[in-house]
Amino acid sequence: MMDIDSLLAHSAERSGDARLDGLEQRVWHRVRLTEERRHLGRIRTLAVTGALVFGVINGGFGLLVPANPPSEIGVLTLAAGLSPLSGMGIVG
């Protein structure tokens, strides 16, 4: 089994140093990109979790509030059909 130094030396002999130029910078750039993606994933997860918690709390409080009783003056609404014009097919 070969160690990393001998593998790099063998690779450099075959193709020259052109492929190794800037290798460290490219590696660190990819490491930074990976860390940024991970960080954005965490932020996205926190945002979704926060929205879910907010929705559950808001929905839970909505269940605790009693429903409004039906209005006693429902006969005065347009949907009641008690308008004098409703017999002529005119709906307000």
C-alpha atoms as a PDB file:
ATOM      1  CA  MET A   1       0.000   0.000   0.000  1.00  0.00           C
ATOM      2  CA  MET A   2       1.356   3.432  -0.915  1.00  0.00           C
ATOM      3  CA  ASP A   3       1.287   6.478   1.314  1.00  0.00           C
ATOM      4  CA  ILE A   4      -0.143   9.811   0.238  1.00  0.00           C
ATOM      5  CA  ASP A   5       3.246  11.409  -0.469  1.00  0.00           C
ATOM      6  CA  SER A   6       4.251   8.713  -2.902  1.00  0.00           C
ATOM      7  CA  LEU A   7       0.854   8.878  -4.607  1.00  0.00           C
ATOM      8  CA  LEU A   8       1.186  12.649  -5.030  1.00  0.00           C
ATOM      9  CA  ALA A   9       4.731  12.286  -6.326  1.00  0.00           C
ATOM     10  CA  HIS A  10       3.628   9.621  -8.801  1.00  0.00           C
ATOM     11  CA  SER A  11       0.735  11.823  -9.956  1.00  0.00           C
ATOM     12  CA  ALA A  12       3.052  14.813 -10.376  1.00  0.00           C
ATOM     13  CA  GLU A  13       5.484  12.738 -12.474  1.00  0.00           C
ATOM     14  CA  ARG A  14       2.729  11.634 -14.816  1.00  0.00           C
ATOM     15  CA  SER A  15       0.957  14.911 -15.440  1.00  0.00           C
ATOM     16  CA  GLY A  16       3.242  17.621 -14.102  1.00  0.00           C
ATOM     17  CA  ASP A  17       2.421  20.168 -11.429  1.00  0.00           C
ATOM     18  CA  ALA A  18      -0.273  21.914 -13.455  1.00  0.00           C
ATOM     19  CA  ARG A  19      -3.120  19.988 -11.849  1.00  0.00           C
ATOM     20  CA  LEU A  20      -1.830  20.606  -8.341  1.00  0.00           C
ATOM     21  CA  ASP A  21      -1.535  24.370  -8.721  1.00  0.00           C
ATOM     22  CA  GLY A  22      -4.078  26.005  -6.436  1.00  0.00           C
ATOM     23  CA  LEU A  23      -5.270  22.668  -5.076  1.00  0.00           C
ATOM     24  CA  GLU A  24      -5.279  23.851  -1.475  1.00  0.00           C
ATOM     25  CA  GLN A  25      -7.278  26.985  -2.343  1.00  0.00           C
ATOM     26  CA  ARG A  26      -9.828  24.906  -4.254  1.00  0.00           C
ATOM     27  CA  VAL A  27     -10.161  22.475  -1.350  1.00  0.00           C
ATOM     28  CA  TRP A  28     -10.684  25.252   1.191  1.00  0.00           C
ATOM     29  CA  HIS A  29     -13.182  26.927  -1.123  1.00  0.00           C
ATOM     30  CA  ARG A  30     -15.215  23.704  -1.296  1.00  0.00           C
ATOM     31  CA  VAL A  31     -14.987  23.333   2.483  1.00  0.00           C
ATOM     32  CA  ARG A  32     -16.353  26.877   2.917  1.00  0.00           C
ATOM     33  CA  LEU A  33     -19.183  26.196   0.470  1.00  0.00           C
ATOM     34  CA  THR A  34     -20.110  23.028   2.336  1.00  0.00           C
ATOM     35  CA  GLU A  35     -20.123  24.880   5.661  1.00  0.00           C
ATOM     36  CA  GLU A  36     -22.296  27.651   4.193  1.00  0.00           C
ATOM     37  CA  ARG A  37     -24.805  25.106   2.868  1.00  0.00           C
ATOM     38  CA  ARG A  38     -24.937  23.436   6.275  1.00  0.00           C
ATOM     39  CA  HIS A  39     -25.433  26.800   7.971  1.00  0.00           C
ATOM     40  CA  LEU A  40     -28.234  27.768   5.582  1.00  0.00           C
ATOM     41  CA  GLY A  41     -29.851  24.390   6.162  1.00  0.00           C
ATOM     42  CA  ARG A  42     -29.842  25.007   9.915  1.00  0.00           C
ATOM     43  CA  ILE A  43     -31.343  28.473   9.461  1.00  0.00           C
ATOM     44  CA  ARG A  44     -34.020  27.085   7.145  1.00  0.00           C
ATOM     45  CA  THR A  45     -34.835  24.326   9.660  1.00  0.00           C
ATOM     46  CA  LEU A  46     -35.120  26.860  12.476  1.00  0.00           C
ATOM     47  CA  ALA A  47     -37.410  29.084  10.385  1.00  0.00           C
ATOM     48  CA  VAL A  48     -39.714  26.201   9.465  1.00  0.00           C
ATOM     49  CA  THR A  49     -39.777  24.970  13.063  1.00  0.00           C
ATOM     50  CA  GLY A  50     -40.583  28.465  14.324  1.00  0.00           C
ATOM     51  CA  ALA A  51     -43.407  28.850  11.819  1.00  0.00           C
ATOM     52  CA  LEU A  52     -44.801  25.449  12.776  1.00  0.00           C
ATOM     53  CA  VAL A  53     -44.700  26.245  16.496  1.00  0.00           C
ATOM     54  CA  PHE A  54     -46.312  29.638  15.883  1.00  0.00           C
ATOM     55  CA  GLY A  55     -49.074  28.022  13.816  1.00  0.00           C
ATOM     56  CA  VAL A  56     -49.765  25.335  16.407  1.00  0.00           C
ATOM     57  CA  ILE A  57     -49.917  27.885  19.227  1.00  0.00           C
ATOM     58  CA  ASN A  58     -52.141  30.208  17.212  1.00  0.00           C
ATOM     59  CA  GLY A  59     -54.421  27.346  16.196  1.00  0.00           C
ATOM     60  CA  GLY A  60     -54.567  26.092  19.777  1.00  0.00           C
ATOM     61  CA  PHE A  61     -55.673  29.470  21.045  1.00  0.00           C
ATOM     62  CA  GLY A  62     -58.260  29.591  18.274  1.00  0.00           C
ATOM     63  CA  LEU A  63     -59.812  26.417  19.644  1.00  0.00           C
ATOM     64  CA  LEU A  64     -60.038  27.880  23.130  1.00  0.00           C
ATOM     65  CA  VAL A  65     -62.029  30.949  22.030  1.00  0.00           C
ATOM     66  CA  PRO A  66     -65.751  30.192  22.019  1.00  0.00           C
ATOM     67  CA  ALA A  67     -67.565  30.488  18.714  1.00  0.00           C
ATOM     68  CA  ASN A  68     -69.759  33.522  18.171  1.00  0.00           C
ATOM     69  CA  PRO A  69     -73.435  32.801  18.786  1.00  0.00           C
ATOM     70  CA  PRO A  70     -75.737  33.298  15.811  1.00  0.00           C
ATOM     71  CA  SER A  71     -76.952  36.841  15.423  1.00  0.00           C
ATOM     72  CA  GLU A  72     -80.488  37.640  16.515  1.00  0.00           C
ATOM     73  CA  ILE A  73     -80.939  40.037  13.647  1.00  0.00           C
ATOM     74  CA  GLY A  74     -80.205  37.472  10.945  1.00  0.00           C
ATOM     75  CA  VAL A  75     -83.596  38.148   9.401  1.00  0.00           C
ATOM     76  CA  LEU A  76     -82.367  41.581   8.339  1.00  0.00           C
ATOM     77  CA  THR A  77     -79.525  40.266   6.181  1.00  0.00           C
ATOM     78  CA  LEU A  78     -79.672  40.113   2.412  1.00  0.00           C
ATOM     79  CA  ALA A  79     -79.386  36.329   2.522  1.00  0.00           C
ATOM     80  CA  ALA A  80     -82.730  36.084   4.385  1.00  0.00           C
ATOM     81  CA  GLY A  81     -84.610  36.862   1.164  1.00  0.00           C
ATOM     82  CA  LEU A  82     -87.168  39.064   2.926  1.00  0.00           C
ATOM     83  CA  SER A  83     -86.633  42.078   0.719  1.00  0.00           C
ATOM     84  CA  PRO A  84     -89.652  43.400  -1.158  1.00  0.00           C
ATOM     85  CA  LEU A  85     -87.613  43.093  -4.342  1.00  0.00           C
ATOM     86  CA  SER A  86     -86.796  39.421  -3.871  1.00  0.00           C
ATOM     87  CA  GLY A  87     -90.168  38.388  -5.299  1.00  0.00           C
ATOM     88  CA  MET A  88     -89.189  40.029  -8.598  1.00  0.00           C
ATOM     89  CA  GLY A  89     -85.964  38.046  -8.804  1.00  0.00           C
ATOM     90  CA  ILE A  90     -83.774  40.948  -7.764  1.00  0.00           C
ATOM     91  CA  VAL A  91     -81.267  39.846  -5.193  1.00  0.00           C
ATOM     92  CA  GLY A  92     -79.346  42.508  -3.281  1.00  0.00           C
END
